[in-house]
Every structure is written in C-alpha cells, then in structure tokens.
Amino acid sequence: MKKSILILSSLFILASVLVGCGKVEPDYTTKEFEAALNNGENLEGKIVSVEVSELEPNSAFGYNIQAGEHLNFVSTENPNVKKEDTVLLEIKKVESMLGSYIISYEKK
C-alpha cells in the first residue's frame, strides 16, 4: 500500500512539473510593450512577442533587433532571426536614449 501511494505521488509530481514546463506565453505584443514603456511602466522580467522589422548586426550595441516605432532589442550574441520573424524575448534592462529604447533581453 505504501509503495503504491509513493508511486502515485511521484507520478502526480512529475505530471505537475511537465504541465508547468509548457509553452511560454507573452505578456505583451510589440505595440502593447511600447505603449507601456511610453507610460513609464517597469517591464523588466516581462515576456514580449516581437516581430522583427529589421536586424542590424553591426550596431554600436551589437546585434540590434528593430521593432515598433522606437524599440531596439540589443544583444552581443547573434539572435539568429530575420526580418518578419516573430520571437519571444524576456526583458532584462530598458534604457532610453535619443528618443529610442535600448532593450537588453534573453531569448525564450
């Protein structure tokens, strides 16, 4: 009896973990994210669904995914995306510079 309870408990825990490891859902679209930034919200740690308008691999900040009106998602690592791709990014830091946002991220 104890053995079957232990096995069932283990299976329940495993199932719970697998369900929790499902698909990551974004908190914002690019448009919603830019509106929230313009409203002064702190968005670090949020997940954004970004449609790539342009990729500038040689910008002053490294690889620059341009999106929205004034959004620059930057990284020193190649994000391996191309124009019109949609990618999920977790926001690490946001800075405002010369009317644009410089955003560091982690790809999801």
Protein backbone atom coordinates (compact mmCIF):
# COMPACT_ATOMS: atom_id res chain seq x y z
CA MET A 1 0.00 0.00 0.00
CA LYS A 2 2.78 2.44 0.91
CA LYS A 3 4.55 1.57 -2.32
CA SER A 4 1.52 2.38 -4.48
CA ILE A 5 0.97 5.70 -2.66
CA LEU A 6 4.64 6.59 -3.22
CA ILE A 7 4.39 5.71 -6.92
CA LEU A 8 1.14 7.68 -7.38
CA SER A 9 2.61 10.68 -5.56
CA SER A 10 5.71 10.56 -7.75
CA LEU A 11 3.59 10.38 -10.91
CA PHE A 12 1.46 13.32 -9.76
CA ILE A 13 4.55 15.44 -9.07
CA LEU A 14 6.06 14.51 -12.44
CA ALA A 15 2.81 15.38 -14.25
CA SER A 16 2.64 18.73 -12.44
CA VAL A 17 6.20 19.58 -13.45
CA LEU A 18 5.58 18.65 -17.09
CA VAL A 19 2.43 20.78 -17.26
CA GLY A 20 4.36 23.72 -15.73
CA CYS A 21 7.05 23.40 -18.42
CA GLY A 22 4.60 24.13 -21.20
CA LYS A 23 4.72 26.83 -23.81
CA VAL A 24 5.77 30.31 -22.69
CA GLU A 25 3.05 32.91 -23.26
CA PRO A 26 3.98 36.56 -23.88
CA ASP A 27 2.89 39.32 -21.51
CA TYR A 28 2.90 41.91 -24.32
CA THR A 29 2.88 42.32 -28.06
CA THR A 30 5.39 44.78 -29.51
CA LYS A 31 2.72 47.50 -29.74
CA GLU A 32 1.49 46.93 -26.16
CA PHE A 33 5.06 46.83 -24.87
CA GLU A 34 5.97 50.15 -26.48
CA ALA A 35 2.79 51.79 -25.13
CA ALA A 36 3.61 50.51 -21.62
CA LEU A 37 7.16 51.89 -21.90
CA ASN A 38 5.80 55.25 -23.03
CA ASN A 39 3.59 55.22 -19.91
CA GLY A 40 6.66 54.76 -17.71
CA GLU A 41 5.98 51.18 -16.64
CA ASN A 42 8.82 48.96 -15.37
CA LEU A 43 8.79 45.97 -17.70
CA GLU A 44 11.93 44.09 -16.65
CA GLY A 45 11.24 40.35 -16.47
CA LYS A 46 8.24 40.56 -18.81
CA ILE A 47 7.95 38.43 -21.97
CA VAL A 48 7.35 40.24 -25.27
CA SER A 49 6.32 38.78 -28.61
CA VAL A 50 8.46 40.77 -31.06
CA GLU A 51 8.01 40.89 -34.82
CA VAL A 52 11.40 41.73 -36.34
CA SER A 53 11.23 44.82 -38.57
CA GLU A 54 14.98 44.81 -39.23
CA LEU A 55 18.11 43.14 -37.87
CA GLU A 56 21.20 45.34 -37.67
CA PRO A 57 24.11 43.00 -36.83
CA ASN A 58 26.77 45.74 -36.64
CA SER A 59 25.14 48.41 -34.49
CA ALA A 60 27.00 50.23 -31.73
CA PHE A 61 25.20 47.97 -29.24
CA GLY A 62 25.82 44.66 -31.03
CA TYR A 63 23.01 42.78 -32.73
CA ASN A 64 20.02 45.11 -32.88
CA ILE A 65 16.52 43.75 -33.49
CA GLN A 66 14.48 46.77 -34.54
CA ALA A 67 10.73 46.65 -33.91
CA GLY A 68 7.86 49.04 -33.22
CA GLU A 69 8.41 52.77 -33.56
CA HIS A 70 11.42 53.20 -31.27
CA LEU A 71 12.34 49.75 -29.97
CA ASN A 72 15.87 48.37 -30.23
CA PHE A 73 16.35 44.92 -28.70
CA VAL A 74 20.12 44.54 -28.39
CA SER A 75 22.47 41.68 -27.61
CA THR A 76 26.13 40.82 -28.06
CA GLU A 77 25.03 37.35 -29.21
CA ASN A 78 23.56 36.62 -32.63
CA PRO A 79 19.79 36.10 -32.13
CA ASN A 80 19.55 34.09 -35.39
CA VAL A 81 16.44 35.86 -36.63
CA LYS A 82 15.50 37.54 -39.88
CA LYS A 83 13.07 40.23 -40.99
CA GLU A 84 9.41 39.35 -40.27
CA ASP A 85 10.30 36.58 -37.77
CA THR A 86 8.40 36.61 -34.50
CA VAL A 87 10.43 35.86 -31.38
CA LEU A 88 9.73 35.74 -27.64
CA LEU A 89 12.11 37.86 -25.56
CA GLU A 90 12.40 38.22 -21.78
CA ILE A 91 13.28 41.81 -20.92
CA LYS A 92 16.40 42.26 -18.77
CA LYS A 93 17.00 46.03 -18.91
CA VAL A 94 15.47 49.06 -20.63
CA GLU A 95 17.26 52.35 -21.28
CA SER A 96 16.01 55.43 -23.08
CA MET A 97 18.48 57.10 -25.43
CA LEU A 98 17.92 59.82 -28.04
CA GLY A 99 14.18 59.14 -28.30
CA SER A 100 14.53 55.37 -28.62
CA TYR A 101 14.55 52.47 -26.20
CA ILE A 102 17.64 50.27 -25.92
CA ILE A 103 16.47 46.95 -24.50
CA SER A 104 18.60 44.02 -23.39
CA TYR A 105 16.90 40.65 -23.36
CA GLU A 106 17.13 36.90 -23.12
CA LYS A 107 15.64 34.87 -25.96
CA LYS A 108 12.92 32.42 -24.88
